[in-house]
Amino acid sequence: MNDEIQLYDKFVDSSPQGSLFHKSWWLEAVTQNNYQILSIKRNEEILAAWPLTFKKIAGLNLIMPPPLLPRQGIMFVPSQKIKYSEKLSDEMSLMSELLELLPKHTWFYQRFSAEFTNWLPLCWAHFKQTTNYTYVIEDLSDLNRVWEDVRYSTKRKINHALKNGIKVVTDLSLDKFLDLNELTFKRQKLTLPYSREYVYRIDEACGKNNARKIFFAVDEAGQIHAAVYIVYNQKAAYYLMGGADPALNTCGAHFLALWEAIKFAGQVSHSFDFEGSMIKNIEPVFRGYGAVQKPYMEITRGNFLIGSAIAAFRNVWKKGGIPSKICNKLLR
């Protein structure tokens, strides 16, 4: 790893907006090095950075996330300013500098970190913004308190799984997880929005960086009911992918697997991010774990036709989304 990348990754760890998904190794895994990092430096210190990932469609070079890249966006160095007005002034100045570095005449779509709250310079530069929501358990340091915040209906489903002999194991293969993941899409007559080879590449990178764990809910006969794939660093754990066998979806196994993932996250991370969801039938599941609703921004720039295609892609990417012909084309 060269000095510039080391400096960037150190900056990501310190930035309030930085996440595991901003790290260079994650960007390399999901794009095969088809990314660029814009940065503003003073005296060899990074003050702001903006990773961009690219996809070429019909001769157009689009800035857009590949599957399984839920967070990007601008990051800032932690501010030393006491006055809020001065902190905001610094952010606006740095964003203006970053915008000067942004490739011109390129369609743009990114999901920003929830900690990114000031998009005014982007608004003035004719970007568009949509507010989405994720759910986050913000403090995992006391799991007893976390359990107290879980809704009664969610606790009942977790206990129902335990009474039915469901246990959670973590020593099964990635292929077994992907079998379940694919079943979840097949149940809705959908195809996976990513290939197995793509997930293998991400999983290998996570393994090298000690950044993932899979939780399988298994019954006494050895049948796998559900599975949860999380990625994590010290700052946060993220529910990246999930899967369940629709023929065995009666005893709350997925709820138990998620709870065990949260318990594990309490050993390695400060918070747990459910990564959504804006999908009506999934949102109450995540809310049921006592998580706090947090807004984050989707920011776009581009013409209507491409915007419509990317909006379709965006809906597909999220867990449980519905792929359209446009989205399948985008994901090839």
C-alpha atoms as a PDB file:
ATOM      1  CA  MET A   1       0.000   0.000   0.000  1.00  0.00           C
ATOM      2  CA  ASN A   2       1.506   3.325  -1.041  1.00  0.00           C
ATOM      3  CA  ASP A   3       1.839   6.360   1.225  1.00  0.00           C
ATOM      4  CA  GLU A   4      -1.042   8.255  -0.420  1.00  0.00           C
ATOM      5  CA  ILE A   5      -3.480   5.384   0.135  1.00  0.00           C
ATOM      6  CA  GLN A   6      -2.301   4.958   3.724  1.00  0.00           C
ATOM      7  CA  LEU A   7      -2.832   8.664   4.328  1.00  0.00           C
ATOM      8  CA  TYR A   8      -6.311   8.460   2.778  1.00  0.00           C
ATOM      9  CA  ASP A   9      -7.375   5.406   4.827  1.00  0.00           C
ATOM     10  CA  LYS A  10      -6.150   7.055   8.017  1.00  0.00           C
ATOM     11  CA  PHE A  11      -8.202  10.125   7.099  1.00  0.00           C
ATOM     12  CA  VAL A  12     -11.308   7.929   6.544  1.00  0.00           C
ATOM     13  CA  ASP A  13     -10.929   6.466  10.040  1.00  0.00           C
ATOM     14  CA  SER A  14     -10.761   9.920  11.610  1.00  0.00           C
ATOM     15  CA  SER A  15     -13.489  11.635   9.568  1.00  0.00           C
ATOM     16  CA  PRO A  16     -16.984  11.872  11.122  1.00  0.00           C
ATOM     17  CA  GLN A  17     -18.417  11.038   7.678  1.00  0.00           C
ATOM     18  CA  GLY A  18     -15.969   8.201   6.995  1.00  0.00           C
ATOM     19  CA  SER A  19     -17.163   4.602   6.926  1.00  0.00           C
ATOM     20  CA  LEU A  20     -15.882   1.152   6.067  1.00  0.00           C
ATOM     21  CA  PHE A  21     -17.297   1.691   2.561  1.00  0.00           C
ATOM     22  CA  HIS A  22     -14.997   4.682   1.996  1.00  0.00           C
ATOM     23  CA  LYS A  23     -11.867   2.614   2.641  1.00  0.00           C
ATOM     24  CA  SER A  24      -9.562   2.011  -0.311  1.00  0.00           C
ATOM     25  CA  TRP A  25      -9.717  -1.779  -0.009  1.00  0.00           C
ATOM     26  CA  TRP A  26     -13.529  -1.778  -0.217  1.00  0.00           C
ATOM     27  CA  LEU A  27     -13.487   0.531  -3.234  1.00  0.00           C
ATOM     28  CA  GLU A  28     -10.951  -1.737  -4.931  1.00  0.00           C
ATOM     29  CA  ALA A  29     -13.047  -4.837  -4.236  1.00  0.00           C
ATOM     30  CA  VAL A  30     -16.330  -3.456  -5.599  1.00  0.00           C
ATOM     31  CA  THR A  31     -14.894  -1.601  -8.606  1.00  0.00           C
ATOM     32  CA  GLN A  32     -11.706  -3.521  -9.477  1.00  0.00           C
ATOM     33  CA  ASN A  33      -9.841  -0.206  -9.198  1.00  0.00           C
ATOM     34  CA  ASN A  34     -12.327   1.734 -11.339  1.00  0.00           C
ATOM     35  CA  TYR A  35     -12.526   4.591  -8.861  1.00  0.00           C
ATOM     36  CA  GLN A  36     -10.981   7.982  -8.157  1.00  0.00           C
ATOM     37  CA  ILE A  37     -10.438   9.871  -4.904  1.00  0.00           C
ATOM     38  CA  LEU A  38     -10.680  13.652  -4.991  1.00  0.00           C
ATOM     39  CA  SER A  39      -8.947  15.319  -2.058  1.00  0.00           C
ATOM     40  CA  ILE A  40      -8.035  18.731  -0.667  1.00  0.00           C
ATOM     41  CA  LYS A  41      -4.739  18.844   1.202  1.00  0.00           C
ATOM     42  CA  ARG A  42      -2.861  21.456   3.193  1.00  0.00           C
ATOM     43  CA  ASN A  43       0.697  20.764   4.372  1.00  0.00           C
ATOM     44  CA  GLU A  44       0.333  17.056   3.479  1.00  0.00           C
ATOM     45  CA  GLU A  45      -2.830  16.751   5.597  1.00  0.00           C
ATOM     46  CA  ILE A  46      -6.123  15.747   3.958  1.00  0.00           C
ATOM     47  CA  LEU A  47      -8.874  18.195   4.896  1.00  0.00           C
ATOM     48  CA  ALA A  48     -11.610  16.753   2.673  1.00  0.00           C
ATOM     49  CA  ALA A  49     -11.987  13.762   0.357  1.00  0.00           C
ATOM     50  CA  TRP A  50     -14.582  12.472  -2.091  1.00  0.00           C
ATOM     51  CA  PRO A  51     -14.320   8.941  -3.551  1.00  0.00           C
ATOM     52  CA  LEU A  52     -15.977   8.413  -6.927  1.00  0.00           C
ATOM     53  CA  THR A  53     -16.841   5.105  -8.593  1.00  0.00           C
ATOM     54  CA  PHE A  54     -17.501   4.868 -12.326  1.00  0.00           C
ATOM     55  CA  LYS A  55     -19.625   2.855 -14.731  1.00  0.00           C
ATOM     56  CA  LYS A  56     -19.671   3.260 -18.516  1.00  0.00           C
ATOM     57  CA  ILE A  57     -23.050   2.787 -20.201  1.00  0.00           C
ATOM     58  CA  ALA A  58     -23.658   3.423 -23.906  1.00  0.00           C
ATOM     59  CA  GLY A  59     -20.484   5.464 -24.109  1.00  0.00           C
ATOM     60  CA  LEU A  60     -21.423   7.604 -21.109  1.00  0.00           C
ATOM     61  CA  ASN A  61     -19.131   7.670 -18.083  1.00  0.00           C
ATOM     62  CA  LEU A  62     -21.396   7.710 -15.028  1.00  0.00           C
ATOM     63  CA  ILE A  63     -20.410   8.344 -11.438  1.00  0.00           C
ATOM     64  CA  MET A  64     -22.555   5.823  -9.604  1.00  0.00           C
ATOM     65  CA  PRO A  65     -22.145   3.079  -6.991  1.00  0.00           C
ATOM     66  CA  PRO A  66     -21.864  -0.581  -7.930  1.00  0.00           C
ATOM     67  CA  PRO A  67     -23.971  -3.055  -5.919  1.00  0.00           C
ATOM     68  CA  LEU A  68     -23.066  -3.450  -2.251  1.00  0.00           C
ATOM     69  CA  LEU A  69     -21.594   0.034  -1.926  1.00  0.00           C
ATOM     70  CA  PRO A  70     -24.212   1.722   0.281  1.00  0.00           C
ATOM     71  CA  ARG A  71     -22.166   4.745   1.374  1.00  0.00           C
ATOM     72  CA  GLN A  72     -19.887   7.192  -0.392  1.00  0.00           C
ATOM     73  CA  GLY A  73     -19.939  10.940  -0.396  1.00  0.00           C
ATOM     74  CA  ILE A  74     -17.792  13.771   0.906  1.00  0.00           C
ATOM     75  CA  MET A  75     -15.768  13.481   4.110  1.00  0.00           C
ATOM     76  CA  PHE A  76     -14.176  16.211   6.223  1.00  0.00           C
ATOM     77  CA  VAL A  77     -11.381  16.213   8.761  1.00  0.00           C
ATOM     78  CA  PRO A  78     -12.746  16.647  12.338  1.00  0.00           C
ATOM     79  CA  SER A  79     -13.208  20.369  12.878  1.00  0.00           C
ATOM     80  CA  GLN A  80     -11.181  22.167  15.527  1.00  0.00           C
ATOM     81  CA  LYS A  81     -13.372  25.260  15.247  1.00  0.00           C
ATOM     82  CA  ILE A  82     -15.477  26.199  18.267  1.00  0.00           C
ATOM     83  CA  LYS A  83     -18.008  28.366  16.457  1.00  0.00           C
ATOM     84  CA  TYR A  84     -20.546  26.515  14.324  1.00  0.00           C
ATOM     85  CA  SER A  85     -20.540  29.287  11.732  1.00  0.00           C
ATOM     86  CA  GLU A  86     -16.785  28.887  11.210  1.00  0.00           C
ATOM     87  CA  LYS A  87     -17.055  25.105  10.955  1.00  0.00           C
ATOM     88  CA  LEU A  88     -19.774  25.493   8.332  1.00  0.00           C
ATOM     89  CA  SER A  89     -17.697  28.052   6.428  1.00  0.00           C
ATOM     90  CA  ASP A  90     -14.783  25.619   6.266  1.00  0.00           C
ATOM     91  CA  GLU A  91     -17.045  22.844   4.943  1.00  0.00           C
ATOM     92  CA  MET A  92     -18.521  25.067   2.262  1.00  0.00           C
ATOM     93  CA  SER A  93     -15.106  26.264   1.136  1.00  0.00           C
ATOM     94  CA  LEU A  94     -13.774  22.703   0.948  1.00  0.00           C
ATOM     95  CA  MET A  95     -16.840  21.489  -0.967  1.00  0.00           C
ATOM     96  CA  SER A  96     -16.402  24.293  -3.474  1.00  0.00           C
ATOM     97  CA  GLU A  97     -12.805  23.164  -4.040  1.00  0.00           C
ATOM     98  CA  LEU A  98     -13.889  19.537  -4.457  1.00  0.00           C
ATOM     99  CA  LEU A  99     -16.546  20.540  -6.965  1.00  0.00           C
ATOM    100  CA  GLU A 100     -13.840  22.172  -9.083  1.00  0.00           C
ATOM    101  CA  LEU A 101     -12.120  18.761  -9.253  1.00  0.00           C
ATOM    102  CA  LEU A 102     -15.273  16.802 -10.134  1.00  0.00           C
ATOM    103  CA  PRO A 103     -15.325  15.505 -13.736  1.00  0.00           C
ATOM    104  CA  LYS A 104     -17.487  17.767 -15.867  1.00  0.00           C
ATOM    105  CA  HIS A 105     -20.494  16.656 -17.916  1.00  0.00           C
ATOM    106  CA  THR A 106     -20.751  13.352 -16.023  1.00  0.00           C
ATOM    107  CA  TRP A 107     -24.004  11.935 -14.669  1.00  0.00           C
ATOM    108  CA  PHE A 108     -23.708  11.636 -10.895  1.00  0.00           C
ATOM    109  CA  TYR A 109     -25.470   9.537  -8.257  1.00  0.00           C
ATOM    110  CA  GLN A 110     -24.249   8.777  -4.729  1.00  0.00           C
ATOM    111  CA  ARG A 111     -25.604   7.944  -1.288  1.00  0.00           C
ATOM    112  CA  PHE A 112     -23.879  10.047   1.354  1.00  0.00           C
ATOM    113  CA  SER A 113     -23.179   9.179   4.991  1.00  0.00           C
ATOM    114  CA  ALA A 114     -25.847  10.149   7.514  1.00  0.00           C
ATOM    115  CA  GLU A 115     -23.204  12.350   9.155  1.00  0.00           C
ATOM    116  CA  PHE A 116     -23.058  14.513   6.024  1.00  0.00           C
ATOM    117  CA  THR A 117     -25.682  17.180   6.700  1.00  0.00           C
ATOM    118  CA  ASN A 118     -24.771  20.289   4.675  1.00  0.00           C
ATOM    119  CA  TRP A 119     -25.318  19.954   0.928  1.00  0.00           C
ATOM    120  CA  LEU A 120     -25.874  23.645   0.105  1.00  0.00           C
ATOM    121  CA  PRO A 121     -22.816  24.032  -2.184  1.00  0.00           C
ATOM    122  CA  LEU A 122     -24.062  20.998  -4.143  1.00  0.00           C
ATOM    123  CA  CYS A 123     -27.522  22.539  -4.358  1.00  0.00           C
ATOM    124  CA  TRP A 124     -26.019  25.767  -5.697  1.00  0.00           C
ATOM    125  CA  ALA A 125     -24.107  23.670  -8.255  1.00  0.00           C
ATOM    126  CA  HIS A 126     -27.466  22.291  -9.530  1.00  0.00           C
ATOM    127  CA  PHE A 127     -27.339  18.860  -7.892  1.00  0.00           C
ATOM    128  CA  LYS A 128     -30.600  17.333  -6.632  1.00  0.00           C
ATOM    129  CA  GLN A 129     -31.164  15.751  -3.233  1.00  0.00           C
ATOM    130  CA  THR A 130     -33.561  13.087  -1.916  1.00  0.00           C
ATOM    131  CA  THR A 131     -33.804  12.213   1.773  1.00  0.00           C
ATOM    132  CA  ASN A 132     -33.806   8.502   2.628  1.00  0.00           C
ATOM    133  CA  TYR A 133     -33.694   6.758   5.992  1.00  0.00           C
ATOM    134  CA  THR A 134     -31.703   4.040   7.646  1.00  0.00           C
ATOM    135  CA  TYR A 135     -32.058   2.578  11.136  1.00  0.00           C
ATOM    136  CA  VAL A 136     -29.117   2.544  13.541  1.00  0.00           C
ATOM    137  CA  ILE A 137     -28.513   1.201  17.037  1.00  0.00           C
ATOM    138  CA  GLU A 138     -26.180   4.015  17.999  1.00  0.00           C
ATOM    139  CA  ASP A 139     -24.515   2.562  21.107  1.00  0.00           C
ATOM    140  CA  LEU A 140     -23.769  -1.158  21.522  1.00  0.00           C
ATOM    141  CA  SER A 141     -21.738  -0.815  24.715  1.00  0.00           C
ATOM    142  CA  ASP A 142     -24.601  -2.081  26.923  1.00  0.00           C
ATOM    143  CA  LEU A 143     -26.419  -4.986  25.245  1.00  0.00           C
ATOM    144  CA  ASN A 144     -28.849  -5.307  28.164  1.00  0.00           C
ATOM    145  CA  ARG A 145     -30.057  -1.786  27.450  1.00  0.00           C
ATOM    146  CA  VAL A 146     -30.191  -2.586  23.721  1.00  0.00           C
ATOM    147  CA  TRP A 147     -32.375  -5.622  24.505  1.00  0.00           C
ATOM    148  CA  GLU A 148     -34.666  -3.475  26.642  1.00  0.00           C
ATOM    149  CA  ASP A 149     -35.253  -1.209  23.642  1.00  0.00           C
ATOM    150  CA  VAL A 150     -36.287  -4.129  21.396  1.00  0.00           C
ATOM    151  CA  ARG A 151     -40.047  -4.208  20.766  1.00  0.00           C
ATOM    152  CA  TYR A 152     -42.076  -6.914  22.450  1.00  0.00           C
ATOM    153  CA  SER A 153     -43.226  -8.391  19.121  1.00  0.00           C
ATOM    154  CA  THR A 154     -39.584  -8.752  17.984  1.00  0.00           C
ATOM    155  CA  LYS A 155     -38.557 -10.366  21.291  1.00  0.00           C
ATOM    156  CA  ARG A 156     -41.453 -12.799  20.955  1.00  0.00           C
ATOM    157  CA  LYS A 157     -40.238 -13.897  17.495  1.00  0.00           C
ATOM    158  CA  ILE A 158     -36.655 -14.325  18.736  1.00  0.00           C
ATOM    159  CA  ASN A 159     -37.852 -16.429  21.673  1.00  0.00           C
ATOM    160  CA  HIS A 160     -40.162 -18.422  19.397  1.00  0.00           C
ATOM    161  CA  ALA A 161     -37.147 -19.374  17.268  1.00  0.00           C
ATOM    162  CA  LEU A 162     -35.225 -20.496  20.344  1.00  0.00           C
ATOM    163  CA  LYS A 163     -38.170 -22.584  21.585  1.00  0.00           C
ATOM    164  CA  ASN A 164     -38.303 -24.281  18.177  1.00  0.00           C
ATOM    165  CA  GLY A 165     -34.699 -25.441  18.534  1.00  0.00           C
ATOM    166  CA  ILE A 166     -33.179 -22.857  16.197  1.00  0.00           C
ATOM    167  CA  LYS A 167     -29.547 -22.068  16.897  1.00  0.00           C
ATOM    168  CA  VAL A 168     -27.171 -19.662  15.203  1.00  0.00           C
ATOM    169  CA  VAL A 169     -23.838 -20.838  13.796  1.00  0.00           C
ATOM    170  CA  THR A 170     -21.098 -18.973  11.950  1.00  0.00           C
ATOM    171  CA  ASP A 171     -18.982 -21.751  10.429  1.00  0.00           C
ATOM    172  CA  LEU A 172     -20.904 -22.486   7.221  1.00  0.00           C
ATOM    173  CA  SER A 173     -19.743 -21.533   3.735  1.00  0.00           C
ATOM    174  CA  LEU A 174     -20.300 -18.399   1.706  1.00  0.00           C
ATOM    175  CA  ASP A 175     -21.938 -20.551  -0.984  1.00  0.00           C
ATOM    176  CA  LYS A 176     -24.571 -21.702   1.500  1.00  0.00           C
ATOM    177  CA  PHE A 177     -25.269 -18.080   2.310  1.00  0.00           C
ATOM    178  CA  LEU A 178     -25.563 -17.168  -1.371  1.00  0.00           C
ATOM    179  CA  ASP A 179     -27.970 -20.076  -1.914  1.00  0.00           C
ATOM    180  CA  LEU A 180     -30.287 -18.516   0.682  1.00  0.00           C
ATOM    181  CA  ASN A 181     -29.691 -15.016  -0.627  1.00  0.00           C
ATOM    182  CA  GLU A 182     -30.734 -16.180  -4.095  1.00  0.00           C
ATOM    183  CA  LEU A 183     -33.825 -17.931  -2.719  1.00  0.00           C
ATOM    184  CA  THR A 184     -34.993 -14.628  -1.260  1.00  0.00           C
ATOM    185  CA  PHE A 185     -34.912 -13.045  -4.708  1.00  0.00           C
ATOM    186  CA  LYS A 186     -36.408 -16.089  -6.435  1.00  0.00           C
ATOM    187  CA  ARG A 187     -39.362 -16.000  -4.060  1.00  0.00           C
ATOM    188  CA  GLN A 188     -40.168 -12.588  -5.524  1.00  0.00           C
ATOM    189  CA  LYS A 189     -39.404 -13.833  -9.072  1.00  0.00           C
ATOM    190  CA  LEU A 190     -36.257 -11.713  -9.188  1.00  0.00           C
ATOM    191  CA  THR A 191     -32.658 -12.317 -10.150  1.00  0.00           C
ATOM    192  CA  LEU A 192     -29.704 -11.402  -7.981  1.00  0.00           C
ATOM    193  CA  PRO A 193     -28.421  -7.886  -8.723  1.00  0.00           C
ATOM    194  CA  TYR A 194     -24.825  -9.153  -8.472  1.00  0.00           C
ATOM    195  CA  SER A 195     -22.918 -12.263  -9.455  1.00  0.00           C
ATOM    196  CA  ARG A 196     -21.456 -14.813  -7.076  1.00  0.00           C
ATOM    197  CA  GLU A 197     -17.994 -13.946  -8.356  1.00  0.00           C
ATOM    198  CA  TYR A 198     -18.626 -10.328  -7.368  1.00  0.00           C
ATOM    199  CA  VAL A 199     -19.547 -11.339  -3.799  1.00  0.00           C
ATOM    200  CA  TYR A 200     -16.556 -13.719  -3.638  1.00  0.00           C
ATOM    201  CA  ARG A 201     -14.267 -10.776  -4.408  1.00  0.00           C
ATOM    202  CA  ILE A 202     -15.823  -8.610  -1.685  1.00  0.00           C
ATOM    203  CA  ASP A 203     -15.788 -11.477   0.791  1.00  0.00           C
ATOM    204  CA  GLU A 204     -12.104 -12.147   0.122  1.00  0.00           C
ATOM    205  CA  ALA A 205     -11.277  -8.486   0.774  1.00  0.00           C
ATOM    206  CA  CYS A 206     -13.336  -8.558   3.977  1.00  0.00           C
ATOM    207  CA  GLY A 207     -11.513 -11.680   5.112  1.00  0.00           C
ATOM    208  CA  LYS A 208      -8.135 -10.033   4.607  1.00  0.00           C
ATOM    209  CA  ASN A 209      -9.298  -7.065   6.673  1.00  0.00           C
ATOM    210  CA  ASN A 210     -11.140  -9.065   9.372  1.00  0.00           C
ATOM    211  CA  ALA A 211     -14.320  -7.214   8.467  1.00  0.00           C
ATOM    212  CA  ARG A 212     -17.169  -9.703   7.979  1.00  0.00           C
ATOM    213  CA  LYS A 213     -19.179 -12.450   9.657  1.00  0.00           C
ATOM    214  CA  ILE A 214     -22.123 -14.585   8.514  1.00  0.00           C
ATOM    215  CA  PHE A 215     -24.812 -15.813  10.925  1.00  0.00           C
ATOM    216  CA  PHE A 216     -26.846 -18.883   9.953  1.00  0.00           C
ATOM    217  CA  ALA A 217     -30.058 -19.843  11.762  1.00  0.00           C
ATOM    218  CA  VAL A 218     -30.174 -23.664  11.716  1.00  0.00           C
ATOM    219  CA  ASP A 219     -32.735 -26.120  13.106  1.00  0.00           C
ATOM    220  CA  GLU A 220     -32.103 -29.443  14.862  1.00  0.00           C
ATOM    221  CA  ALA A 221     -32.283 -31.312  11.544  1.00  0.00           C
ATOM    222  CA  GLY A 222     -29.518 -29.136  10.098  1.00  0.00           C
ATOM    223  CA  GLN A 223     -31.787 -27.145   7.794  1.00  0.00           C
ATOM    224  CA  ILE A 224     -30.723 -23.531   7.272  1.00  0.00           C
ATOM    225  CA  HIS A 225     -33.680 -21.223   7.771  1.00  0.00           C
ATOM    226  CA  ALA A 226     -32.063 -17.802   7.381  1.00  0.00           C
ATOM    227  CA  ALA A 227     -28.722 -16.035   7.262  1.00  0.00           C
ATOM    228  CA  VAL A 228     -27.351 -12.544   7.891  1.00  0.00           C
ATOM    229  CA  TYR A 229     -24.123 -11.157   6.397  1.00  0.00           C
ATOM    230  CA  ILE A 230     -22.582  -8.210   8.247  1.00  0.00           C
ATOM    231  CA  VAL A 231     -19.464  -6.168   7.609  1.00  0.00           C
ATOM    232  CA  TYR A 232     -17.820  -4.098  10.303  1.00  0.00           C
ATOM    233  CA  ASN A 233     -15.015  -1.982  11.636  1.00  0.00           C
ATOM    234  CA  GLN A 234     -14.557  -0.346  15.020  1.00  0.00           C
ATOM    235  CA  LYS A 235     -16.922   2.503  14.176  1.00  0.00           C
ATOM    236  CA  ALA A 236     -19.935   0.543  12.880  1.00  0.00           C
ATOM    237  CA  ALA A 237     -21.291  -2.825  11.774  1.00  0.00           C
ATOM    238  CA  TYR A 238     -23.592  -2.949   8.731  1.00  0.00           C
ATOM    239  CA  TYR A 239     -26.259  -5.435   7.709  1.00  0.00           C
ATOM    240  CA  LEU A 240     -25.086  -5.827   4.131  1.00  0.00           C
ATOM    241  CA  MET A 241     -27.014  -8.877   2.860  1.00  0.00           C
ATOM    242  CA  GLY A 242     -29.534 -11.398   4.087  1.00  0.00           C
ATOM    243  CA  GLY A 243     -31.394 -14.474   2.988  1.00  0.00           C
ATOM    244  CA  ALA A 244     -34.116 -16.885   4.073  1.00  0.00           C
ATOM    245  CA  ASP A 245     -35.697 -20.112   2.890  1.00  0.00           C
ATOM    246  CA  PRO A 246     -39.359 -19.263   2.147  1.00  0.00           C
ATOM    247  CA  ALA A 247     -40.365 -22.872   2.869  1.00  0.00           C
ATOM    248  CA  LEU A 248     -39.067 -22.546   6.446  1.00  0.00           C
ATOM    249  CA  ASN A 249     -40.204 -19.002   7.175  1.00  0.00           C
ATOM    250  CA  THR A 250     -42.458 -19.697  10.150  1.00  0.00           C
ATOM    251  CA  CYS A 251     -40.451 -19.669  13.370  1.00  0.00           C
ATOM    252  CA  GLY A 252     -38.657 -16.326  13.585  1.00  0.00           C
ATOM    253  CA  ALA A 253     -35.242 -17.655  12.566  1.00  0.00           C
ATOM    254  CA  HIS A 254     -34.269 -14.482  10.691  1.00  0.00           C
ATOM    255  CA  PHE A 255     -35.070 -12.398  13.777  1.00  0.00           C
ATOM    256  CA  LEU A 256     -32.801 -14.600  15.877  1.00  0.00           C
ATOM    257  CA  ALA A 257     -29.965 -14.451  13.325  1.00  0.00           C
ATOM    258  CA  LEU A 258     -30.182 -10.651  13.283  1.00  0.00           C
ATOM    259  CA  TRP A 259     -30.130 -10.482  17.083  1.00  0.00           C
ATOM    260  CA  GLU A 260     -27.031 -12.684  17.233  1.00  0.00           C
ATOM    261  CA  ALA A 261     -25.393 -10.423  14.627  1.00  0.00           C
ATOM    262  CA  ILE A 262     -26.163  -7.400  16.806  1.00  0.00           C
ATOM    263  CA  LYS A 263     -24.715  -9.145  19.874  1.00  0.00           C
ATOM    264  CA  PHE A 264     -21.528  -9.924  17.981  1.00  0.00           C
ATOM    265  CA  ALA A 265     -21.347  -6.357  16.683  1.00  0.00           C
ATOM    266  CA  GLY A 266     -21.322  -5.211  20.304  1.00  0.00           C
ATOM    267  CA  GLN A 267     -17.910  -6.886  20.663  1.00  0.00           C
ATOM    268  CA  VAL A 268     -16.300  -5.236  17.620  1.00  0.00           C
ATOM    269  CA  SER A 269     -18.190  -2.027  16.775  1.00  0.00           C
ATOM    270  CA  HIS A 270     -19.702   1.011  18.396  1.00  0.00           C
ATOM    271  CA  SER A 271     -22.975   0.960  16.423  1.00  0.00           C
ATOM    272  CA  PHE A 272     -25.134  -1.265  14.201  1.00  0.00           C
ATOM    273  CA  ASP A 273     -26.547   0.087  10.940  1.00  0.00           C
ATOM    274  CA  PHE A 274     -29.390  -1.880   9.331  1.00  0.00           C
ATOM    275  CA  GLU A 275     -28.692  -0.173   5.989  1.00  0.00           C
ATOM    276  CA  GLY A 276     -32.259   0.932   5.352  1.00  0.00           C
ATOM    277  CA  SER A 277     -34.877   0.289   4.739  1.00  0.00           C
ATOM    278  CA  MET A 278     -37.183   2.383   2.626  1.00  0.00           C
ATOM    279  CA  ILE A 279     -39.136  -0.771   1.723  1.00  0.00           C
ATOM    280  CA  LYS A 280     -42.468  -0.755   3.528  1.00  0.00           C
ATOM    281  CA  ASN A 281     -42.543  -4.389   4.652  1.00  0.00           C
ATOM    282  CA  ILE A 282     -38.891  -4.391   5.808  1.00  0.00           C
ATOM    283  CA  GLU A 283     -38.781  -1.074   7.681  1.00  0.00           C
ATOM    284  CA  PRO A 284     -40.826  -2.277  10.721  1.00  0.00           C
ATOM    285  CA  VAL A 285     -38.492  -5.258  11.170  1.00  0.00           C
ATOM    286  CA  PHE A 286     -35.483  -2.984  11.632  1.00  0.00           C
ATOM    287  CA  ARG A 287     -37.434  -0.498  13.737  1.00  0.00           C
ATOM    288  CA  GLY A 288     -38.420  -3.397  15.975  1.00  0.00           C
ATOM    289  CA  TYR A 289     -34.859  -3.765  17.262  1.00  0.00           C
ATOM    290  CA  GLY A 290     -35.067  -0.355  18.917  1.00  0.00           C
ATOM    291  CA  ALA A 291     -32.948   1.305  16.254  1.00  0.00           C
ATOM    292  CA  VAL A 292     -33.063   5.053  15.714  1.00  0.00           C
ATOM    293  CA  GLN A 293     -34.244   6.445  12.371  1.00  0.00           C
ATOM    294  CA  LYS A 294     -31.461   8.429  10.691  1.00  0.00           C
ATOM    295  CA  PRO A 295     -31.798  10.415   7.457  1.00  0.00           C
ATOM    296  CA  TYR A 296     -29.179  10.274   4.734  1.00  0.00           C
ATOM    297  CA  MET A 297     -28.986  11.957   1.352  1.00  0.00           C
ATOM    298  CA  GLU A 298     -29.097  10.587  -2.169  1.00  0.00           C
ATOM    299  CA  ILE A 299     -27.559  13.223  -4.402  1.00  0.00           C
ATOM    300  CA  THR A 300     -27.831  13.267  -8.178  1.00  0.00           C
ATOM    301  CA  ARG A 301     -26.937  15.364 -11.206  1.00  0.00           C
ATOM    302  CA  GLY A 302     -27.901  14.582 -14.780  1.00  0.00           C
ATOM    303  CA  ASN A 303     -30.594  14.528 -17.429  1.00  0.00           C
ATOM    304  CA  PHE A 304     -34.072  13.064 -17.068  1.00  0.00           C
ATOM    305  CA  LEU A 305     -33.677   9.882 -19.136  1.00  0.00           C
ATOM    306  CA  ILE A 306     -30.502   8.706 -17.430  1.00  0.00           C
ATOM    307  CA  GLY A 307     -31.911   9.869 -14.113  1.00  0.00           C
ATOM    308  CA  SER A 308     -34.943   7.647 -14.566  1.00  0.00           C
ATOM    309  CA  ALA A 309     -32.723   4.640 -15.297  1.00  0.00           C
ATOM    310  CA  ILE A 310     -30.544   5.294 -12.262  1.00  0.00           C
ATOM    311  CA  ALA A 311     -33.583   5.785 -10.053  1.00  0.00           C
ATOM    312  CA  ALA A 312     -34.748   2.327 -11.155  1.00  0.00           C
ATOM    313  CA  PHE A 313     -31.288   0.921 -10.417  1.00  0.00           C
ATOM    314  CA  ARG A 314     -31.333   2.557  -6.980  1.00  0.00           C
ATOM    315  CA  ASN A 315     -34.596   0.824  -6.063  1.00  0.00           C
ATOM    316  CA  VAL A 316     -33.236  -2.530  -7.219  1.00  0.00           C
ATOM    317  CA  TRP A 317     -29.994  -2.333  -5.328  1.00  0.00           C
ATOM    318  CA  LYS A 318     -31.581  -2.078  -1.904  1.00  0.00           C
ATOM    319  CA  LYS A 319     -32.311  -5.369  -0.176  1.00  0.00           C
ATOM    320  CA  GLY A 320     -35.473  -6.817  -1.624  1.00  0.00           C
ATOM    321  CA  GLY A 321     -35.617  -4.352  -4.513  1.00  0.00           C
ATOM    322  CA  ILE A 322     -37.309  -5.195  -7.811  1.00  0.00           C
ATOM    323  CA  PRO A 323     -35.033  -5.405 -10.856  1.00  0.00           C
ATOM    324  CA  SER A 324     -36.343  -4.012 -14.105  1.00  0.00           C
ATOM    325  CA  LYS A 325     -34.999  -4.498 -17.633  1.00  0.00           C
ATOM    326  CA  ILE A 326     -33.173  -1.204 -17.265  1.00  0.00           C
ATOM    327  CA  CYS A 327     -31.571  -2.276 -13.992  1.00  0.00           C
ATOM    328  CA  ASN A 328     -30.477  -5.624 -15.330  1.00  0.00           C
ATOM    329  CA  LYS A 329     -28.767  -3.823 -18.191  1.00  0.00           C
ATOM    330  CA  LEU A 330     -27.044  -1.435 -15.808  1.00  0.00           C
ATOM    331  CA  LEU A 331     -25.760  -4.290 -13.685  1.00  0.00           C
ATOM    332  CA  ARG A 332     -24.189  -6.330 -16.483  1.00  0.00           C
END
